[in-house]
Amino acid sequence: MSDFKKLRVWRKAHALTLNVHRIAASIRGSQHAPLRSQMVRAAMSISANIVEGREQSNEREFARFLGYALASTSELEYHFIVARDVRAITDTDFGSTLTQIVDVRKMLHGLRAKLTQTNSSPKNLSRRPSANSVKRSAGSGQQRS
């Protein structure tokens, strides 16, 4: 597989991670420490799964890791909803970050769809023998009286 840094989706996810880290660092209060941690971890998981998936040996495995990254976008969105609702972040930070999350999610969906479409297209035109043809060939040469 190729260099993950060349992927637009990784660059967007990395920018999202940096933005989330900046916002989480601005959240004050020890009662929000778990929320800050979860926000950063979910954001990092998006980028990290793209990186890890890109290093897999085939596109099917890469698509699987993109699924994990997609799940992390939903988790991150939820953490931002909580942060907004408990007034730990500003509406501006919520809105701009939600836009980033949605953009990354769309890109992940698109890339995963492209990979799964590639995997489902016929690459090899040779057909596997059907169960009936296997039975016929196994039975040939033997005659019953």
Protein backbone atom coordinates (compact mmCIF):
# COMPACT_ATOMS: atom_id res chain seq x y z
CA MET A 1 0.00 0.00 0.00
CA SER A 2 1.10 3.57 -0.46
CA ASP A 3 2.03 6.38 1.88
CA PHE A 4 -0.92 7.35 4.12
CA LYS A 5 0.18 11.00 4.14
CA LYS A 6 -0.81 11.26 0.48
CA LEU A 7 -4.44 10.51 1.28
CA ARG A 8 -6.65 13.62 1.38
CA VAL A 9 -8.90 11.96 3.94
CA TRP A 10 -5.95 11.41 6.28
CA ARG A 11 -4.85 15.05 5.93
CA LYS A 12 -8.39 16.23 6.74
CA ALA A 13 -8.63 13.78 9.67
CA HIS A 14 -5.27 14.95 10.99
CA ALA A 15 -6.39 18.59 10.81
CA LEU A 16 -9.54 17.57 12.69
CA THR A 17 -7.41 15.87 15.36
CA LEU A 18 -5.32 19.00 15.82
CA ASN A 19 -8.43 21.15 16.09
CA VAL A 20 -10.03 18.79 18.62
CA HIS A 21 -6.82 18.82 20.66
CA ARG A 22 -6.86 22.64 20.69
CA ILE A 23 -10.51 22.75 21.76
CA ALA A 24 -10.08 20.05 24.41
CA ALA A 25 -7.13 21.95 25.88
CA SER A 26 -9.36 24.99 26.29
CA ILE A 27 -11.96 23.11 28.34
CA ARG A 28 -11.52 23.96 32.00
CA GLY A 29 -12.52 22.06 35.11
CA SER A 30 -11.55 18.72 36.54
CA GLN A 31 -15.12 17.46 36.07
CA HIS A 32 -14.53 17.63 32.29
CA ALA A 33 -11.25 15.68 32.31
CA PRO A 34 -12.85 12.43 31.06
CA LEU A 35 -14.66 14.31 28.30
CA ARG A 36 -11.46 16.03 27.17
CA SER A 37 -9.64 12.72 27.10
CA GLN A 38 -12.39 10.93 25.16
CA MET A 39 -12.63 13.74 22.61
CA VAL A 40 -8.92 13.60 21.86
CA ARG A 41 -8.84 9.80 21.81
CA ALA A 42 -11.78 9.55 19.39
CA ALA A 43 -10.25 12.14 17.07
CA MET A 44 -6.88 10.40 17.12
CA SER A 45 -8.58 7.08 16.44
CA ILE A 46 -9.94 8.37 13.14
CA SER A 47 -6.49 9.25 11.80
CA ALA A 48 -4.80 6.25 13.37
CA ASN A 49 -7.22 3.79 11.79
CA ILE A 50 -6.63 5.34 8.37
CA VAL A 51 -2.88 4.94 8.92
CA GLU A 52 -3.16 1.39 10.21
CA GLY A 53 -5.57 0.38 7.47
CA ARG A 54 -3.36 1.78 4.74
CA GLU A 55 -0.60 -0.56 5.83
CA GLN A 56 -2.77 -3.66 5.40
CA SER A 57 -1.97 -6.09 2.63
CA ASN A 58 -5.19 -5.65 0.66
CA GLU A 59 -8.01 -3.22 0.00
CA ARG A 60 -10.59 -5.31 1.83
CA GLU A 61 -8.64 -4.98 5.08
CA PHE A 62 -8.10 -1.27 4.43
CA ALA A 63 -11.88 -0.87 4.02
CA ARG A 64 -12.38 -2.64 7.37
CA PHE A 65 -10.14 -0.10 9.12
CA LEU A 66 -11.99 2.74 7.39
CA GLY A 67 -15.11 1.33 9.05
CA TYR A 68 -13.43 1.70 12.42
CA ALA A 69 -12.50 5.29 11.53
CA LEU A 70 -16.14 5.95 10.60
CA ALA A 71 -17.30 4.65 13.95
CA SER A 72 -14.86 7.01 15.65
CA THR A 73 -16.35 9.97 13.76
CA SER A 74 -19.73 9.15 15.30
CA GLU A 75 -18.18 8.79 18.72
CA LEU A 76 -16.41 12.13 18.35
CA GLU A 77 -19.62 13.80 17.21
CA TYR A 78 -21.36 12.54 20.33
CA HIS A 79 -18.60 13.85 22.61
CA PHE A 80 -18.94 17.25 20.97
CA ILE A 81 -22.71 17.22 21.49
CA VAL A 82 -22.14 16.50 25.18
CA ALA A 83 -19.47 19.21 25.41
CA ARG A 84 -21.84 21.73 23.83
CA ASP A 85 -24.78 20.69 26.00
CA VAL A 86 -22.81 21.03 29.25
CA ARG A 87 -21.46 24.34 27.95
CA ALA A 88 -17.84 23.18 28.02
CA ILE A 89 -17.24 24.49 24.48
CA THR A 90 -18.56 27.43 22.49
CA ASP A 91 -21.23 27.12 19.83
CA THR A 92 -18.67 28.36 17.31
CA ASP A 93 -16.21 25.59 18.16
CA PHE A 94 -19.05 23.06 18.08
CA GLY A 95 -20.30 24.19 14.67
CA SER A 96 -16.94 24.41 12.96
CA THR A 97 -15.78 21.07 14.35
CA LEU A 98 -19.05 19.36 13.44
CA THR A 99 -18.51 20.56 9.86
CA GLN A 100 -15.03 18.99 9.89
CA ILE A 101 -16.38 15.74 11.31
CA VAL A 102 -19.09 15.52 8.64
CA ASP A 103 -16.56 16.26 5.87
CA VAL A 104 -14.21 13.53 7.09
CA ARG A 105 -17.12 11.11 7.46
CA LYS A 106 -18.23 11.74 3.88
CA MET A 107 -14.70 11.19 2.60
CA LEU A 108 -14.38 7.96 4.56
CA HIS A 109 -17.71 6.69 3.21
CA GLY A 110 -16.62 7.54 -0.32
CA LEU A 111 -13.24 5.87 -0.05
CA ARG A 112 -14.69 2.77 1.60
CA ALA A 113 -17.37 2.52 -1.09
CA LYS A 114 -14.71 2.78 -3.78
CA LEU A 115 -12.64 0.05 -2.14
CA THR A 116 -15.58 -2.31 -1.67
CA GLN A 117 -16.74 -1.66 -5.23
CA THR A 118 -13.26 -2.55 -6.48
CA ASN A 119 -13.26 -5.72 -4.39
CA SER A 120 -16.65 -6.86 -5.66
CA SER A 121 -15.86 -6.37 -9.34
CA PRO A 122 -14.76 -9.50 -11.19
CA LYS A 123 -10.98 -9.53 -11.39
CA ASN A 124 -10.65 -13.16 -12.30
CA LEU A 125 -12.95 -14.54 -14.96
CA SER A 126 -12.18 -18.18 -14.18
CA ARG A 127 -15.11 -19.82 -12.47
CA ARG A 128 -15.02 -22.22 -9.61
CA PRO A 129 -16.68 -25.52 -10.39
CA SER A 130 -20.25 -25.89 -9.17
CA ALA A 131 -21.20 -28.54 -6.65
CA ASN A 132 -22.95 -30.56 -9.39
CA SER A 133 -19.91 -30.59 -11.66
CA VAL A 134 -17.73 -31.73 -8.75
CA LYS A 135 -20.13 -34.62 -8.06
CA ARG A 136 -20.19 -35.58 -11.73
CA SER A 137 -16.41 -35.60 -12.06
CA ALA A 138 -16.00 -37.49 -8.80
CA GLY A 139 -18.48 -40.12 -9.98
CA SER A 140 -17.03 -40.58 -13.44
CA GLY A 141 -15.05 -43.71 -13.97
CA GLN A 142 -17.10 -45.62 -11.45
CA GLN A 143 -19.91 -47.71 -12.74
CA ARG A 144 -22.51 -49.47 -10.67
CA SER A 145 -24.29 -52.61 -11.75
